Amino acid sequence: MTRSSPIELEFSRKYDREHARQYLRKHQDGLARRLSHWRDEQMARRALKLAGDPDLVLDLPCGAGRFWPLLAEHPSRMIFAADNSADMLAIARAAQPPRVVKRVETFRTSAFAIDMGANAVDCIFSMRLLHHIAEPAHRLTMLREFHRVSRDTVILSLWVDGNYKSWKRKRLERRRPDQENKNRFVVPRSKIEAEFGEAGFDIVGHRDFLPGYAMWRVYVLRKRS
């Protein structure tokens, strides 16, 4: 039975087939994007190692499947991949190498109400979602759902403060307070780390994209025993 979610974020509605194609092309376009993707993969590999190289992983949201080849590097890993957008899933299956796709079981679901049972996977791998979620209550709903479905660890990324880019963004937002369609948010590190604890997680470690400069941070969390 499919679990229904009372939470639907505005940004997620845009991912029809054309937007899904644009999302795929975005991370392949130009040297800077390719270098950024390389760094994302480097951070993800280190996070997976820190999480104990889990065998059963849920990639949520999987987007265009850009982390599937990385997840498939572990020869015995079983990969589930889910997204709220059926079009995004279709683009991912078409875009990624067939040898990788055959190792991935895909399904459509919401990160706020995952269509899986309790303790269903060893690790939830969630890159580039949390920075879209402004409301603390929504973040806690998602984190508690991750706590329910993961048996052991969660790997996730978001924008945090305490770096040059977040300071610069804050200055820009003060000058332009009425930005329309704002859908990316910086969360204070102290705040998000308190929310991790409230949801029942301990922090195993973290990695920064460019320490002191960039906003991206990847956390590895473990369910509290």
Protein backbone atom coordinates (compact mmCIF):
# COMPACT_ATOMS: atom_id res chain seq x y z
CA MET A 1 0.00 0.00 0.00
CA THR A 2 1.41 3.38 -1.02
CA ARG A 3 2.00 5.81 1.82
CA SER A 4 0.56 9.27 1.19
CA SER A 5 2.33 12.43 2.34
CA PRO A 6 0.55 15.58 3.56
CA ILE A 7 3.65 17.61 2.59
CA GLU A 8 4.35 18.66 -0.99
CA LEU A 9 7.03 21.25 -1.65
CA GLU A 10 6.42 23.82 -4.36
CA PHE A 11 9.73 23.24 -6.13
CA SER A 12 9.03 19.52 -6.62
CA ARG A 13 6.05 20.21 -8.88
CA LYS A 14 8.24 21.59 -11.66
CA TYR A 15 9.93 18.30 -12.52
CA ASP A 16 8.04 17.26 -15.63
CA ARG A 17 9.88 15.46 -18.44
CA GLU A 18 11.51 18.63 -19.85
CA HIS A 19 12.65 19.91 -16.45
CA ALA A 20 14.04 16.46 -15.70
CA ARG A 21 16.10 16.59 -18.92
CA GLN A 22 17.35 20.06 -18.00
CA TYR A 23 18.35 18.79 -14.56
CA LEU A 24 20.35 15.98 -16.15
CA ARG A 25 22.12 18.35 -18.57
CA LYS A 26 22.85 20.89 -15.82
CA HIS A 27 25.36 18.64 -14.07
CA GLN A 28 27.11 17.77 -17.37
CA ASP A 29 27.35 21.30 -18.78
CA GLY A 30 30.80 22.90 -18.75
CA LEU A 31 34.03 22.38 -16.86
CA ALA A 32 32.83 24.00 -13.63
CA ARG A 33 29.79 21.70 -13.42
CA ARG A 34 31.90 18.64 -14.15
CA LEU A 35 34.40 19.62 -11.46
CA SER A 36 31.53 20.20 -9.03
CA HIS A 37 30.14 16.75 -9.82
CA TRP A 38 33.60 15.22 -9.31
CA ARG A 39 33.81 16.87 -5.88
CA ASP A 40 30.27 15.70 -5.02
CA GLU A 41 31.30 12.14 -5.86
CA GLN A 42 34.49 12.43 -3.82
CA MET A 43 32.50 13.58 -0.78
CA ALA A 44 29.89 10.87 -1.31
CA ARG A 45 32.52 8.11 -1.46
CA ARG A 46 34.05 9.30 1.79
CA ALA A 47 30.61 9.49 3.40
CA LEU A 48 29.75 5.95 2.31
CA LYS A 49 33.06 4.75 3.75
CA LEU A 50 32.31 6.55 7.02
CA ALA A 51 28.88 4.86 7.05
CA GLY A 52 30.57 1.45 6.81
CA ASP A 53 30.10 0.84 3.07
CA PRO A 54 26.44 -0.20 3.45
CA ASP A 55 25.16 -3.08 1.32
CA LEU A 56 21.51 -2.00 0.99
CA VAL A 57 21.06 1.68 0.06
CA LEU A 58 18.06 3.85 -0.80
CA ASP A 59 18.94 6.83 -3.04
CA LEU A 60 16.20 9.40 -2.29
CA PRO A 61 15.57 11.60 -4.15
CA CYS A 62 17.59 10.00 -6.91
CA GLY A 63 16.98 12.76 -9.46
CA ALA A 64 18.51 11.86 -12.83
CA GLY A 65 20.48 9.02 -11.25
CA ARG A 66 23.82 10.82 -11.31
CA PHE A 67 25.04 8.97 -8.20
CA TRP A 68 23.98 5.51 -9.42
CA PRO A 69 27.36 4.66 -11.03
CA LEU A 70 29.10 5.64 -7.78
CA LEU A 71 26.73 3.57 -5.64
CA ALA A 72 27.22 0.63 -8.02
CA GLU A 73 31.00 0.68 -7.50
CA HIS A 74 30.42 -1.53 -4.44
CA PRO A 75 30.01 -4.96 -6.12
CA SER A 76 27.63 -6.46 -3.55
CA ARG A 77 25.51 -3.35 -2.97
CA MET A 78 21.77 -3.54 -3.62
CA ILE A 79 20.42 -0.16 -4.71
CA PHE A 80 16.91 1.18 -4.39
CA ALA A 81 16.26 4.57 -5.99
CA ALA A 82 13.17 6.70 -5.56
CA ASP A 83 11.92 10.13 -6.52
CA ASN A 84 8.70 12.10 -6.22
CA SER A 85 8.76 12.67 -10.01
CA ALA A 86 7.91 9.80 -12.36
CA ASP A 87 9.46 11.82 -15.20
CA MET A 88 12.73 12.13 -13.30
CA LEU A 89 12.81 8.36 -12.76
CA ALA A 90 12.22 7.77 -16.47
CA ILE A 91 15.04 10.13 -17.44
CA ALA A 92 17.37 8.45 -14.92
CA ARG A 93 16.68 4.98 -16.30
CA ALA A 94 17.26 6.20 -19.87
CA ALA A 95 20.37 8.27 -19.12
CA GLN A 96 22.47 5.98 -16.93
CA PRO A 97 24.55 3.05 -18.26
CA PRO A 98 22.48 -0.15 -18.73
CA ARG A 99 24.96 -2.16 -16.63
CA VAL A 100 24.21 0.22 -13.73
CA VAL A 101 20.45 0.51 -14.32
CA LYS A 102 20.01 -3.25 -14.04
CA ARG A 103 21.38 -3.04 -10.48
CA VAL A 104 18.84 -0.39 -9.43
CA GLU A 105 15.23 -0.94 -8.37
CA THR A 106 13.25 2.27 -8.86
CA PHE A 107 9.93 3.43 -7.48
CA ARG A 108 8.07 6.69 -6.97
CA THR A 109 7.64 7.97 -3.43
CA SER A 110 7.89 11.04 -1.21
CA ALA A 111 10.76 11.61 1.23
CA PHE A 112 8.10 12.59 3.77
CA ALA A 113 6.23 9.25 3.50
CA ILE A 114 8.54 6.57 2.10
CA ASP A 115 6.81 3.54 0.61
CA MET A 116 9.00 1.05 2.50
CA GLY A 117 8.76 -0.74 5.81
CA ALA A 118 10.66 0.02 9.01
CA ASN A 119 14.41 -0.78 8.97
CA ALA A 120 14.13 -1.64 5.27
CA VAL A 121 17.62 -0.49 4.21
CA ASP A 122 21.06 -0.13 5.75
CA CYS A 123 21.46 3.47 4.62
CA ILE A 124 19.45 6.31 3.09
CA PHE A 125 21.52 8.39 0.68
CA SER A 126 19.89 11.81 0.19
CA MET A 127 21.89 14.36 -1.76
CA ARG A 128 20.64 17.85 -2.57
CA LEU A 129 17.17 17.80 -1.03
CA LEU A 130 17.38 19.28 2.45
CA HIS A 131 18.42 22.76 1.30
CA HIS A 132 15.01 23.04 -0.40
CA ILE A 133 13.16 22.64 2.91
CA ALA A 134 12.62 25.88 4.81
CA GLU A 135 10.25 24.77 7.58
CA PRO A 136 11.82 23.04 10.61
CA ALA A 137 8.65 20.96 11.05
CA HIS A 138 8.99 19.67 7.49
CA ARG A 139 12.66 18.82 8.01
CA LEU A 140 11.79 16.91 11.18
CA THR A 141 9.04 14.99 9.39
CA MET A 142 11.53 13.91 6.75
CA LEU A 143 14.27 13.07 9.26
CA ARG A 144 11.88 10.97 11.35
CA GLU A 145 10.81 9.10 8.22
CA PHE A 146 14.47 8.46 7.41
CA HIS A 147 14.89 7.20 10.98
CA ARG A 148 11.99 4.79 10.49
CA VAL A 149 13.19 3.34 7.17
CA SER A 150 16.95 3.16 7.73
CA ARG A 151 18.27 0.37 9.90
CA ASP A 152 21.58 2.11 10.55
CA THR A 153 22.77 5.28 8.77
CA VAL A 154 21.71 8.31 6.74
CA ILE A 155 23.89 10.36 4.39
CA LEU A 156 22.53 13.77 3.44
CA SER A 157 23.70 17.14 2.18
CA LEU A 158 22.50 20.70 2.66
CA TRP A 159 23.61 24.34 2.75
CA VAL A 160 24.98 25.44 6.13
CA ASP A 161 26.24 28.72 7.57
CA GLY A 162 29.73 29.56 8.86
CA ASN A 163 31.39 30.04 5.45
CA TYR A 164 32.02 32.82 2.93
CA LYS A 165 29.26 31.86 0.49
CA SER A 166 26.56 31.79 3.20
CA TRP A 167 27.70 35.20 4.45
CA LYS A 168 27.56 36.56 0.91
CA ARG A 169 24.11 35.04 0.33
CA LYS A 170 22.79 36.54 3.57
CA ARG A 171 23.96 39.99 2.48
CA LEU A 172 22.26 39.55 -0.89
CA GLU A 173 19.00 38.46 0.72
CA ARG A 174 19.01 41.53 2.98
CA ARG A 175 19.22 43.71 -0.13
CA ARG A 176 16.52 41.72 -1.95
CA PRO A 177 14.13 40.53 0.79
CA ASP A 178 11.17 39.94 -1.53
CA GLN A 179 12.69 37.32 -3.82
CA GLU A 180 9.99 35.34 -5.57
CA ASN A 181 10.06 31.56 -5.85
CA LYS A 182 12.81 31.23 -3.27
CA ASN A 183 13.36 27.51 -2.88
CA ARG A 184 16.89 27.11 -1.53
CA PHE A 185 17.78 27.85 2.07
CA VAL A 186 20.82 28.04 4.33
CA VAL A 187 20.30 26.33 7.69
CA PRO A 188 22.46 27.26 10.70
CA ARG A 189 24.68 24.34 11.65
CA SER A 190 23.61 24.48 15.28
CA LYS A 191 19.95 24.33 14.25
CA ILE A 192 20.16 21.40 11.84
CA GLU A 193 22.41 19.43 14.19
CA ALA A 194 19.85 19.91 16.98
CA GLU A 195 17.15 18.65 14.61
CA PHE A 196 19.24 15.55 13.85
CA GLY A 197 19.33 14.83 17.57
CA GLU A 198 15.61 15.46 17.98
CA ALA A 199 14.88 12.97 15.20
CA GLY A 200 16.97 10.29 16.96
CA PHE A 201 20.32 10.52 15.16
CA ASP A 202 23.91 10.94 16.28
CA ILE A 203 26.42 12.60 13.95
CA VAL A 204 29.14 10.22 12.80
CA GLY A 205 30.94 12.94 10.85
CA HIS A 206 30.70 15.49 8.08
CA ARG A 207 32.54 16.70 4.98
CA ASP A 208 32.52 20.22 3.51
CA PHE A 209 32.60 20.86 -0.25
CA LEU A 210 35.23 23.60 0.15
CA PRO A 211 35.89 24.25 3.88
CA GLY A 212 35.42 27.87 4.87
CA TYR A 213 34.14 28.85 1.42
CA ALA A 214 31.24 26.76 0.08
CA MET A 215 27.85 26.15 1.72
CA TRP A 216 27.54 22.46 0.86
CA ARG A 217 28.06 20.03 3.72
CA VAL A 218 27.52 16.26 3.74
CA TYR A 219 26.57 14.68 7.07
CA VAL A 220 26.72 11.01 8.02
CA LEU A 221 24.18 10.16 10.74
CA ARG A 222 23.60 6.98 12.73
CA LYS A 223 20.40 5.94 14.48
CA ARG A 224 20.81 6.32 18.20
CA SER A 225 20.84 3.00 20.02
